[in-house]
Amino acid sequence: MSLALSTFAADDFVGAYRLVVPDEVRSLAKMAGKQEPSGWLRLNKGRRFLFEDGTLKREGDYRVEGGQLTLSFPDRAEMSGQLSEKGIKFGGLYYELQSSVDLVGTWVVRKGELPDRSIKLTFKKDGSFQFVCVGAKSAGKYQLENGKLVLLWTTVDSEPVELGSMRKELRLSSDGGSFDIDSYHYVKD
């Protein structure tokens, strides 16, 4: 966007924006045994938005005026932020426009600094996944939905599973480079 931001319409900012969590905040959360802070803002066509901060999920309308984004919630509360070419700043919080996360490939569990390649989750371009570890295997479909990785199983240990009956929503790290399933931390191999 080389022109002034004020010349753009609201739909020019449609996309998913993820809260950028500073490294020192991530480290502090880890040391305290807490989950890393996270947040998403999805601006949709038709000037509708979905805002999530890990515990709170809110929807409403948005407008763009003079480089400023204003979120209007159903309870008439409003929140305004400054638009930039790559994100939105609300006070001291910065939400960065996300390009599509590249999940395709093999992801392994990381224990400390070392990967454990005996536990693998492989995502394919066709939207399917396969999980393999000692004594267990499963497969299914995956998708990105409102900034979360959603797994939908179709088989567990070679037994069919009704699509949608086993579902897990996973929060991606703020850089899209890792996620947790229960107590297992996955990184791309």
N, C-alpha and C. Protein backbone atom coordinates (compact mmCIF):
# COMPACT_ATOMS: atom_id res chain seq x y z
N MET A 1 0.83 -1.16 0.00
CA MET A 1 0.00 0.00 0.00
C MET A 1 0.88 1.24 0.00
N SER A 2 1.11 1.78 -1.13
CA SER A 2 1.99 2.93 -1.21
C SER A 2 1.24 4.25 -1.09
N LEU A 3 -0.06 4.25 -1.29
CA LEU A 3 -0.86 5.46 -1.13
C LEU A 3 -1.16 5.67 0.35
N ALA A 4 -1.63 6.84 0.70
CA ALA A 4 -2.02 7.11 2.08
C ALA A 4 -3.11 6.13 2.50
N LEU A 5 -3.03 5.65 3.74
CA LEU A 5 -4.00 4.67 4.24
C LEU A 5 -5.42 5.22 4.19
N SER A 6 -5.58 6.52 4.27
CA SER A 6 -6.92 7.10 4.30
C SER A 6 -7.65 6.97 2.97
N THR A 7 -6.95 6.59 1.89
CA THR A 7 -7.60 6.44 0.59
C THR A 7 -8.18 5.05 0.39
N PHE A 8 -8.04 4.16 1.36
CA PHE A 8 -8.51 2.80 1.22
C PHE A 8 -9.86 2.60 1.90
N ALA A 9 -10.64 1.67 1.37
CA ALA A 9 -11.95 1.33 1.95
C ALA A 9 -11.77 0.26 3.01
N ALA A 10 -12.79 0.06 3.83
CA ALA A 10 -12.74 -0.92 4.92
C ALA A 10 -12.38 -2.31 4.42
N ASP A 11 -12.95 -2.73 3.27
CA ASP A 11 -12.68 -4.09 2.77
C ASP A 11 -11.23 -4.28 2.31
N ASP A 12 -10.46 -3.19 2.15
CA ASP A 12 -9.05 -3.32 1.79
C ASP A 12 -8.23 -3.90 2.93
N PHE A 13 -8.78 -3.95 4.14
CA PHE A 13 -8.05 -4.44 5.30
C PHE A 13 -8.54 -5.81 5.77
N VAL A 14 -9.37 -6.45 4.95
CA VAL A 14 -9.88 -7.78 5.28
C VAL A 14 -8.70 -8.74 5.46
N GLY A 15 -8.76 -9.54 6.51
CA GLY A 15 -7.71 -10.52 6.77
C GLY A 15 -7.65 -10.88 8.23
N ALA A 16 -6.70 -11.76 8.57
CA ALA A 16 -6.50 -12.19 9.95
C ALA A 16 -5.28 -11.48 10.51
N TYR A 17 -5.42 -10.96 11.70
CA TYR A 17 -4.36 -10.24 12.39
C TYR A 17 -4.09 -10.95 13.71
N ARG A 18 -2.83 -11.25 13.99
CA ARG A 18 -2.47 -11.97 15.21
C ARG A 18 -1.69 -11.05 16.14
N LEU A 19 -1.99 -11.15 17.44
CA LEU A 19 -1.28 -10.38 18.45
C LEU A 19 0.19 -10.76 18.44
N VAL A 20 1.07 -9.78 18.36
CA VAL A 20 2.51 -10.02 18.44
C VAL A 20 2.89 -9.98 19.92
N VAL A 21 3.38 -11.11 20.42
CA VAL A 21 3.75 -11.23 21.82
C VAL A 21 5.27 -11.08 21.92
N PRO A 22 5.75 -10.06 22.64
CA PRO A 22 7.20 -9.87 22.77
C PRO A 22 7.87 -11.08 23.40
N ASP A 23 9.12 -11.35 23.00
CA ASP A 23 9.85 -12.51 23.51
C ASP A 23 9.94 -12.51 25.03
N GLU A 24 10.13 -11.33 25.63
CA GLU A 24 10.25 -11.29 27.09
C GLU A 24 8.94 -11.68 27.78
N VAL A 25 7.80 -11.38 27.17
CA VAL A 25 6.51 -11.78 27.73
C VAL A 25 6.34 -13.29 27.58
N ARG A 26 6.75 -13.84 26.43
CA ARG A 26 6.69 -15.30 26.23
C ARG A 26 7.53 -16.02 27.28
N SER A 27 8.75 -15.52 27.49
CA SER A 27 9.67 -16.14 28.47
C SER A 27 9.09 -16.09 29.87
N LEU A 28 8.52 -14.95 30.24
CA LEU A 28 7.93 -14.79 31.56
C LEU A 28 6.76 -15.75 31.75
N ALA A 29 5.91 -15.89 30.73
CA ALA A 29 4.78 -16.83 30.82
C ALA A 29 5.28 -18.26 31.00
N LYS A 30 6.32 -18.61 30.26
CA LYS A 30 6.88 -19.97 30.35
C LYS A 30 7.45 -20.22 31.74
N MET A 31 8.21 -19.25 32.26
CA MET A 31 8.80 -19.40 33.60
C MET A 31 7.72 -19.52 34.66
N ALA A 32 6.60 -18.83 34.48
CA ALA A 32 5.50 -18.86 35.45
C ALA A 32 4.60 -20.08 35.26
N GLY A 33 4.89 -20.88 34.22
CA GLY A 33 4.06 -22.05 33.94
C GLY A 33 2.70 -21.70 33.39
N LYS A 34 2.59 -20.54 32.76
CA LYS A 34 1.33 -20.07 32.20
C LYS A 34 1.35 -20.20 30.68
N GLN A 35 0.17 -20.22 30.09
CA GLN A 35 0.05 -20.26 28.64
C GLN A 35 0.43 -18.90 28.07
N GLU A 36 1.11 -18.91 26.94
CA GLU A 36 1.51 -17.68 26.26
C GLU A 36 0.27 -16.86 25.90
N PRO A 37 0.31 -15.54 26.16
CA PRO A 37 -0.83 -14.71 25.75
C PRO A 37 -1.05 -14.81 24.24
N SER A 38 -2.29 -14.71 23.83
CA SER A 38 -2.57 -14.76 22.40
C SER A 38 -3.80 -13.93 22.10
N GLY A 39 -3.93 -13.56 20.85
CA GLY A 39 -5.10 -12.81 20.44
C GLY A 39 -5.19 -12.77 18.93
N TRP A 40 -6.41 -12.74 18.44
CA TRP A 40 -6.67 -12.69 17.00
C TRP A 40 -7.74 -11.65 16.71
N LEU A 41 -7.61 -11.04 15.58
CA LEU A 41 -8.64 -10.15 15.07
C LEU A 41 -8.82 -10.50 13.61
N ARG A 42 -10.04 -10.88 13.23
CA ARG A 42 -10.33 -11.19 11.83
C ARG A 42 -11.29 -10.13 11.32
N LEU A 43 -10.85 -9.39 10.30
CA LEU A 43 -11.71 -8.41 9.64
C LEU A 43 -12.29 -9.08 8.40
N ASN A 44 -13.59 -9.16 8.34
CA ASN A 44 -14.29 -9.84 7.24
C ASN A 44 -14.91 -8.82 6.29
N LYS A 45 -15.22 -9.28 5.09
CA LYS A 45 -15.95 -8.43 4.14
C LYS A 45 -17.29 -8.07 4.75
N GLY A 46 -17.82 -6.94 4.32
CA GLY A 46 -19.09 -6.49 4.88
C GLY A 46 -18.91 -5.77 6.20
N ARG A 47 -17.67 -5.41 6.51
CA ARG A 47 -17.35 -4.64 7.73
C ARG A 47 -17.75 -5.34 9.02
N ARG A 48 -17.58 -6.67 9.06
CA ARG A 48 -17.81 -7.46 10.27
C ARG A 48 -16.47 -7.93 10.79
N PHE A 49 -16.36 -8.11 12.12
CA PHE A 49 -15.11 -8.60 12.70
C PHE A 49 -15.39 -9.67 13.74
N LEU A 50 -14.34 -10.47 14.03
CA LEU A 50 -14.33 -11.44 15.11
C LEU A 50 -13.05 -11.17 15.89
N PHE A 51 -13.17 -10.96 17.20
CA PHE A 51 -12.04 -10.66 18.06
C PHE A 51 -11.93 -11.76 19.10
N GLU A 52 -10.73 -12.35 19.27
CA GLU A 52 -10.50 -13.40 20.26
C GLU A 52 -9.22 -13.09 21.02
N ASP A 53 -9.25 -13.27 22.33
CA ASP A 53 -8.02 -13.08 23.10
C ASP A 53 -7.68 -14.28 23.97
N GLY A 54 -8.12 -15.44 23.60
CA GLY A 54 -7.83 -16.66 24.35
C GLY A 54 -9.00 -17.08 25.22
N THR A 55 -9.61 -16.13 25.94
CA THR A 55 -10.76 -16.45 26.79
C THR A 55 -12.01 -15.75 26.31
N LEU A 56 -11.86 -14.67 25.58
CA LEU A 56 -12.97 -13.85 25.14
C LEU A 56 -13.12 -13.93 23.62
N LYS A 57 -14.35 -14.07 23.16
CA LYS A 57 -14.64 -14.07 21.72
C LYS A 57 -15.78 -13.09 21.51
N ARG A 58 -15.54 -12.05 20.70
CA ARG A 58 -16.57 -11.04 20.45
C ARG A 58 -16.64 -10.73 18.97
N GLU A 59 -17.85 -10.39 18.53
CA GLU A 59 -18.08 -10.03 17.14
C GLU A 59 -18.72 -8.66 17.09
N GLY A 60 -18.67 -8.05 15.91
CA GLY A 60 -19.33 -6.77 15.74
C GLY A 60 -19.03 -6.18 14.37
N ASP A 61 -19.20 -4.88 14.27
CA ASP A 61 -18.95 -4.15 13.02
C ASP A 61 -17.68 -3.32 13.17
N TYR A 62 -17.06 -3.01 12.03
CA TYR A 62 -15.90 -2.13 12.07
C TYR A 62 -16.02 -1.07 10.99
N ARG A 63 -15.27 0.00 11.19
CA ARG A 63 -15.20 1.06 10.18
C ARG A 63 -13.76 1.56 10.13
N VAL A 64 -13.41 2.11 8.96
CA VAL A 64 -12.08 2.68 8.74
C VAL A 64 -12.27 4.13 8.33
N GLU A 65 -11.58 5.02 9.05
CA GLU A 65 -11.64 6.45 8.75
C GLU A 65 -10.27 7.05 9.00
N GLY A 66 -9.68 7.62 7.94
CA GLY A 66 -8.42 8.33 8.10
C GLY A 66 -7.30 7.53 8.72
N GLY A 67 -7.15 6.28 8.35
CA GLY A 67 -6.07 5.45 8.90
C GLY A 67 -6.36 4.89 10.28
N GLN A 68 -7.59 5.05 10.74
CA GLN A 68 -8.00 4.58 12.06
C GLN A 68 -9.04 3.47 11.88
N LEU A 69 -8.88 2.37 12.62
CA LEU A 69 -9.85 1.28 12.64
C LEU A 69 -10.63 1.37 13.93
N THR A 70 -11.95 1.34 13.85
CA THR A 70 -12.79 1.34 15.05
C THR A 70 -13.65 0.09 15.04
N LEU A 71 -13.56 -0.69 16.13
CA LEU A 71 -14.38 -1.87 16.33
C LEU A 71 -15.58 -1.46 17.18
N SER A 72 -16.78 -1.78 16.71
CA SER A 72 -18.01 -1.48 17.44
C SER A 72 -18.64 -2.78 17.90
N PHE A 73 -18.73 -2.96 19.22
CA PHE A 73 -19.26 -4.18 19.80
C PHE A 73 -20.78 -4.05 20.00
N PRO A 74 -21.49 -5.18 20.08
CA PRO A 74 -22.95 -5.13 20.24
C PRO A 74 -23.42 -4.35 21.46
N ASP A 75 -22.60 -4.28 22.53
CA ASP A 75 -23.00 -3.55 23.73
C ASP A 75 -22.70 -2.05 23.62
N ARG A 76 -22.38 -1.60 22.40
CA ARG A 76 -22.09 -0.21 22.05
C ARG A 76 -20.70 0.25 22.48
N ALA A 77 -19.90 -0.63 23.08
CA ALA A 77 -18.51 -0.29 23.40
C ALA A 77 -17.73 -0.21 22.09
N GLU A 78 -16.70 0.61 22.07
CA GLU A 78 -15.86 0.74 20.88
C GLU A 78 -14.39 0.68 21.28
N MET A 79 -13.58 0.23 20.34
CA MET A 79 -12.14 0.16 20.52
C MET A 79 -11.51 0.64 19.22
N SER A 80 -10.58 1.59 19.32
CA SER A 80 -9.96 2.14 18.11
C SER A 80 -8.48 1.85 18.09
N GLY A 81 -7.97 1.67 16.87
CA GLY A 81 -6.55 1.42 16.68
C GLY A 81 -6.05 2.09 15.43
N GLN A 82 -4.74 2.25 15.36
CA GLN A 82 -4.10 2.90 14.22
C GLN A 82 -3.67 1.84 13.20
N LEU A 83 -4.09 2.01 11.96
CA LEU A 83 -3.74 1.07 10.89
C LEU A 83 -2.36 1.39 10.35
N SER A 84 -1.63 0.36 9.97
CA SER A 84 -0.38 0.51 9.23
C SER A 84 -0.45 -0.46 8.06
N GLU A 85 0.56 -0.48 7.24
CA GLU A 85 0.54 -1.36 6.07
C GLU A 85 0.53 -2.83 6.43
N LYS A 86 1.06 -3.18 7.63
CA LYS A 86 1.17 -4.59 8.00
C LYS A 86 0.45 -4.96 9.28
N GLY A 87 -0.33 -4.01 9.84
CA GLY A 87 -0.99 -4.37 11.08
C GLY A 87 -1.80 -3.23 11.66
N ILE A 88 -2.19 -3.45 12.94
CA ILE A 88 -3.04 -2.52 13.67
C ILE A 88 -2.49 -2.39 15.09
N LYS A 89 -2.36 -1.17 15.56
CA LYS A 89 -1.88 -0.94 16.92
C LYS A 89 -3.03 -0.41 17.77
N PHE A 90 -3.36 -1.17 18.83
CA PHE A 90 -4.36 -0.76 19.81
C PHE A 90 -3.60 -0.45 21.09
N GLY A 91 -3.42 0.82 21.41
CA GLY A 91 -2.64 1.18 22.59
C GLY A 91 -1.24 0.60 22.45
N GLY A 92 -0.82 -0.20 23.42
CA GLY A 92 0.51 -0.84 23.37
C GLY A 92 0.51 -2.21 22.72
N LEU A 93 -0.62 -2.66 22.19
CA LEU A 93 -0.70 -4.00 21.58
C LEU A 93 -0.69 -3.88 20.07
N TYR A 94 0.11 -4.72 19.43
CA TYR A 94 0.22 -4.69 17.98
C TYR A 94 -0.27 -6.01 17.40
N TYR A 95 -1.20 -5.92 16.46
CA TYR A 95 -1.74 -7.08 15.75
C TYR A 95 -1.19 -7.05 14.33
N GLU A 96 -0.49 -8.12 13.95
CA GLU A 96 0.18 -8.18 12.65
C GLU A 96 -0.67 -8.96 11.65
N LEU A 97 -0.80 -8.41 10.43
CA LEU A 97 -1.51 -9.09 9.36
C LEU A 97 -0.79 -10.39 9.06
N GLN A 98 -1.54 -11.48 9.02
CA GLN A 98 -0.95 -12.80 8.80
C GLN A 98 -1.07 -13.22 7.35
N SER A 99 0.03 -13.71 6.81
CA SER A 99 -0.07 -14.40 5.53
C SER A 99 -0.49 -15.82 5.90
N SER A 100 -0.83 -16.61 4.94
CA SER A 100 -1.28 -17.96 5.28
C SER A 100 -0.14 -18.74 5.94
N VAL A 101 -0.48 -19.48 6.98
CA VAL A 101 0.49 -20.29 7.71
C VAL A 101 0.76 -21.54 6.89
N ASP A 102 2.03 -21.88 6.71
CA ASP A 102 2.40 -23.07 5.93
C ASP A 102 2.53 -24.27 6.86
N LEU A 103 1.47 -25.05 6.95
CA LEU A 103 1.47 -26.24 7.81
C LEU A 103 2.01 -27.47 7.10
N VAL A 104 2.01 -27.48 5.77
CA VAL A 104 2.38 -28.67 5.01
C VAL A 104 3.78 -29.12 5.38
N GLY A 105 3.89 -30.41 5.70
CA GLY A 105 5.18 -31.00 6.09
C GLY A 105 5.02 -31.80 7.36
N THR A 106 6.14 -32.24 7.90
CA THR A 106 6.15 -33.08 9.10
C THR A 106 6.51 -32.25 10.32
N TRP A 107 5.72 -32.43 11.36
CA TRP A 107 5.91 -31.75 12.63
C TRP A 107 6.24 -32.81 13.67
N VAL A 108 7.19 -32.52 14.56
CA VAL A 108 7.61 -33.49 15.58
C VAL A 108 7.52 -32.83 16.95
N VAL A 109 7.51 -33.67 17.97
CA VAL A 109 7.49 -33.17 19.34
C VAL A 109 8.89 -32.71 19.72
N ARG A 110 8.95 -31.57 20.37
CA ARG A 110 10.23 -31.08 20.88
C ARG A 110 10.22 -31.25 22.39
N LYS A 111 11.27 -31.94 22.86
CA LYS A 111 11.47 -32.11 24.30
C LYS A 111 12.74 -31.34 24.65
N GLY A 112 12.59 -30.22 25.33
CA GLY A 112 13.75 -29.37 25.58
C GLY A 112 14.22 -28.79 24.26
N GLU A 113 15.48 -28.95 23.95
CA GLU A 113 16.03 -28.44 22.69
C GLU A 113 16.04 -29.50 21.58
N LEU A 114 15.73 -30.75 21.92
CA LEU A 114 15.85 -31.85 20.96
C LEU A 114 14.49 -32.30 20.42
N PRO A 115 14.41 -32.54 19.09
CA PRO A 115 13.17 -33.08 18.53
C PRO A 115 13.07 -34.58 18.82
N ASP A 116 11.87 -35.05 19.08
CA ASP A 116 11.60 -36.48 19.25
C ASP A 116 10.88 -36.93 17.99
N ARG A 117 11.61 -37.52 17.06
CA ARG A 117 11.03 -37.91 15.76
C ARG A 117 10.22 -39.20 15.82
N SER A 118 10.07 -39.79 17.02
CA SER A 118 9.23 -40.98 17.14
C SER A 118 7.75 -40.59 17.22
N ILE A 119 7.46 -39.31 17.39
CA ILE A 119 6.09 -38.81 17.42
C ILE A 119 5.98 -37.78 16.30
N LYS A 120 5.20 -38.11 15.25
CA LYS A 120 5.11 -37.26 14.06
C LYS A 120 3.68 -36.95 13.70
N LEU A 121 3.49 -35.73 13.23
CA LEU A 121 2.22 -35.30 12.68
C LEU A 121 2.54 -34.69 11.32
N THR A 122 2.00 -35.29 10.25
CA THR A 122 2.31 -34.83 8.90
C THR A 122 1.07 -34.24 8.26
N PHE A 123 1.21 -33.00 7.78
CA PHE A 123 0.12 -32.30 7.09
C PHE A 123 0.40 -32.32 5.60
N LYS A 124 -0.61 -32.69 4.79
CA LYS A 124 -0.46 -32.75 3.34
C LYS A 124 -1.21 -31.59 2.68
N LYS A 125 -0.83 -31.29 1.44
CA LYS A 125 -1.44 -30.18 0.69
C LYS A 125 -2.93 -30.37 0.48
N ASP A 126 -3.40 -31.62 0.44
CA ASP A 126 -4.82 -31.88 0.18
C ASP A 126 -5.71 -31.67 1.41
N GLY A 127 -5.13 -31.19 2.53
CA GLY A 127 -5.91 -30.93 3.73
C GLY A 127 -6.05 -32.13 4.66
N SER A 128 -5.25 -33.17 4.42
CA SER A 128 -5.30 -34.34 5.29
C SER A 128 -4.07 -34.35 6.22
N PHE A 129 -4.19 -35.11 7.31
CA PHE A 129 -3.05 -35.27 8.20
C PHE A 129 -2.93 -36.73 8.62
N GLN A 130 -1.71 -37.10 9.03
CA GLN A 130 -1.44 -38.42 9.58
C GLN A 130 -0.62 -38.24 10.85
N PHE A 131 -1.00 -38.96 11.90
CA PHE A 131 -0.27 -38.96 13.15
C PHE A 131 0.30 -40.35 13.36
N VAL A 132 1.58 -40.43 13.76
CA VAL A 132 2.22 -41.72 14.01
C VAL A 132 3.12 -41.59 15.24
N CYS A 133 2.99 -42.55 16.15
CA CYS A 133 3.93 -42.69 17.25
C CYS A 133 3.99 -44.17 17.61
N VAL A 134 4.87 -44.54 18.51
CA VAL A 134 5.02 -45.94 18.88
C VAL A 134 3.69 -46.46 19.42
N GLY A 135 3.12 -47.46 18.76
CA GLY A 135 1.89 -48.10 19.21
C GLY A 135 0.59 -47.41 18.85
N ALA A 136 0.66 -46.31 18.09
CA ALA A 136 -0.59 -45.62 17.74
C ALA A 136 -0.45 -44.90 16.42
N LYS A 137 -1.57 -44.78 15.72
CA LYS A 137 -1.60 -43.97 14.50
C LYS A 137 -3.03 -43.50 14.28
N SER A 138 -3.14 -42.36 13.62
CA SER A 138 -4.45 -41.83 13.30
C SER A 138 -4.33 -40.95 12.07
N ALA A 139 -5.47 -40.58 11.50
CA ALA A 139 -5.48 -39.75 10.31
C ALA A 139 -6.77 -38.95 10.29
N GLY A 140 -6.77 -37.91 9.46
CA GLY A 140 -7.97 -37.11 9.34
C GLY A 140 -7.76 -35.91 8.45
N LYS A 141 -8.56 -34.90 8.66
CA LYS A 141 -8.53 -33.66 7.88
C LYS A 141 -8.14 -32.52 8.82
N TYR A 142 -7.54 -31.47 8.24
CA TYR A 142 -7.21 -30.29 9.04
C TYR A 142 -7.62 -29.03 8.29
N GLN A 143 -7.79 -27.96 9.04
CA GLN A 143 -8.09 -26.66 8.44
C GLN A 143 -7.69 -25.57 9.42
N LEU A 144 -7.50 -24.38 8.90
CA LEU A 144 -7.29 -23.21 9.74
C LEU A 144 -8.63 -22.50 9.86
N GLU A 145 -9.04 -22.23 11.08
CA GLU A 145 -10.35 -21.65 11.34
C GLU A 145 -10.21 -20.57 12.41
N ASN A 146 -10.43 -19.32 12.03
CA ASN A 146 -10.31 -18.21 12.98
C ASN A 146 -8.98 -18.22 13.72
N GLY A 147 -7.92 -18.49 12.96
CA GLY A 147 -6.58 -18.45 13.54
C GLY A 147 -6.18 -19.67 14.34
N LYS A 148 -7.01 -20.71 14.33
CA LYS A 148 -6.67 -21.93 15.06
C LYS A 148 -6.54 -23.08 14.07
N LEU A 149 -5.68 -24.01 14.42
CA LEU A 149 -5.54 -25.25 13.66
C LEU A 149 -6.60 -26.21 14.18
N VAL A 150 -7.46 -26.70 13.28
CA VAL A 150 -8.53 -27.61 13.67
C VAL A 150 -8.25 -28.98 13.06
N LEU A 151 -8.17 -30.01 13.92
CA LEU A 151 -7.97 -31.38 13.47
C LEU A 151 -9.29 -32.14 13.59
N LEU A 152 -9.66 -32.84 12.51
CA LEU A 152 -10.88 -33.66 12.47
C LEU A 152 -10.46 -35.08 12.09
N TRP A 153 -10.56 -36.02 13.03
CA TRP A 153 -10.10 -37.37 12.78
C TRP A 153 -11.07 -38.16 11.92
N THR A 154 -10.51 -39.04 11.05
CA THR A 154 -11.31 -39.97 10.26
C THR A 154 -10.99 -41.43 10.62
N THR A 155 -9.77 -41.67 11.12
CA THR A 155 -9.40 -43.01 11.60
C THR A 155 -8.50 -42.89 12.83
N VAL A 156 -8.65 -43.86 13.74
CA VAL A 156 -7.77 -43.98 14.90
C VAL A 156 -7.40 -45.45 15.00
N ASP A 157 -6.10 -45.74 14.94
CA ASP A 157 -5.60 -47.12 14.96
C ASP A 157 -6.32 -47.99 13.93
N SER A 158 -6.45 -47.47 12.72
CA SER A 158 -7.05 -48.12 11.56
C SER A 158 -8.56 -48.32 11.67
N GLU A 159 -9.19 -47.83 12.71
CA GLU A 159 -10.63 -47.92 12.87
C GLU A 159 -11.28 -46.62 12.41
N PRO A 160 -12.33 -46.68 11.58
CA PRO A 160 -12.97 -45.45 11.12
C PRO A 160 -13.62 -44.66 12.26
N VAL A 161 -13.58 -43.35 12.11
CA VAL A 161 -14.20 -42.43 13.05
C VAL A 161 -15.09 -41.50 12.23
N GLU A 162 -16.31 -41.27 12.71
CA GLU A 162 -17.21 -40.38 11.99
C GLU A 162 -16.61 -38.97 11.97
N LEU A 163 -16.50 -38.39 10.78
CA LEU A 163 -15.90 -37.08 10.62
C LEU A 163 -16.64 -36.06 11.49
N GLY A 164 -15.89 -35.37 12.32
CA GLY A 164 -16.46 -34.37 13.20
C GLY A 164 -16.70 -34.86 14.62
N SER A 165 -16.72 -36.19 14.82
CA SER A 165 -16.96 -36.70 16.17
C SER A 165 -15.71 -36.57 17.05
N MET A 166 -14.54 -36.56 16.45
CA MET A 166 -13.29 -36.30 17.17
C MET A 166 -12.69 -35.05 16.56
N ARG A 167 -12.68 -33.99 17.34
CA ARG A 167 -12.23 -32.68 16.85
C ARG A 167 -11.37 -32.03 17.92
N LYS A 168 -10.29 -31.39 17.49
CA LYS A 168 -9.44 -30.67 18.43
C LYS A 168 -9.05 -29.34 17.81
N GLU A 169 -9.23 -28.24 18.55
CA GLU A 169 -8.80 -26.92 18.11
C GLU A 169 -7.52 -26.57 18.84
N LEU A 170 -6.51 -26.19 18.06
CA LEU A 170 -5.19 -25.91 18.61
C LEU A 170 -4.79 -24.48 18.31
N ARG A 171 -4.23 -23.82 19.27
CA ARG A 171 -3.74 -22.45 19.10
C ARG A 171 -2.30 -22.52 18.58
N LEU A 172 -2.06 -21.86 17.45
CA LEU A 172 -0.71 -21.76 16.92
C LEU A 172 0.06 -20.71 17.70
N SER A 173 1.38 -20.88 17.80
CA SER A 173 2.20 -19.85 18.44
C SER A 173 2.08 -18.57 17.63
N SER A 174 2.47 -17.46 18.21
CA SER A 174 2.28 -16.17 17.54
C SER A 174 3.02 -16.08 16.21
N ASP A 175 4.09 -16.87 16.03
CA ASP A 175 4.80 -16.85 14.74
C ASP A 175 4.36 -17.99 13.82
N GLY A 176 3.39 -18.81 14.25
CA GLY A 176 2.89 -19.92 13.44
C GLY A 176 3.85 -21.09 13.36
N GLY A 177 4.92 -21.08 14.17
CA GLY A 177 5.96 -22.10 14.07
C GLY A 177 5.84 -23.24 15.06
N SER A 178 4.81 -23.24 15.91
CA SER A 178 4.64 -24.34 16.86
C SER A 178 3.20 -24.35 17.37
N PHE A 179 2.84 -25.48 17.98
CA PHE A 179 1.54 -25.62 18.64
C PHE A 179 1.66 -26.74 19.66
N ASP A 180 0.72 -26.78 20.58
CA ASP A 180 0.72 -27.81 21.62
C ASP A 180 -0.52 -28.67 21.50
N ILE A 181 -0.32 -29.98 21.69
CA ILE A 181 -1.42 -30.92 21.84
C ILE A 181 -1.21 -31.53 23.22
N ASP A 182 -2.12 -31.21 24.12
CA ASP A 182 -1.98 -31.61 25.52
C ASP A 182 -0.63 -31.12 26.03
N SER A 183 0.24 -31.99 26.53
CA SER A 183 1.53 -31.54 27.06
C SER A 183 2.66 -31.68 26.04
N TYR A 184 2.33 -31.95 24.76
CA TYR A 184 3.34 -32.15 23.73
C TYR A 184 3.48 -30.89 22.87
N HIS A 185 4.71 -30.42 22.73
CA HIS A 185 5.00 -29.20 21.98
C HIS A 185 5.53 -29.60 20.58
N TYR A 186 4.78 -29.25 19.53
CA TYR A 186 5.13 -29.62 18.15
C TYR A 186 5.81 -28.48 17.42
N VAL A 187 6.87 -28.81 16.67
CA VAL A 187 7.57 -27.86 15.80
C VAL A 187 7.76 -28.52 14.45
N LYS A 188 7.92 -27.71 13.42
CA LYS A 188 8.12 -28.25 12.07
C LYS A 188 9.52 -28.84 11.99
N ASP A 189 9.62 -30.04 11.42
CA ASP A 189 10.91 -30.76 11.31
C ASP A 189 11.69 -30.27 10.11
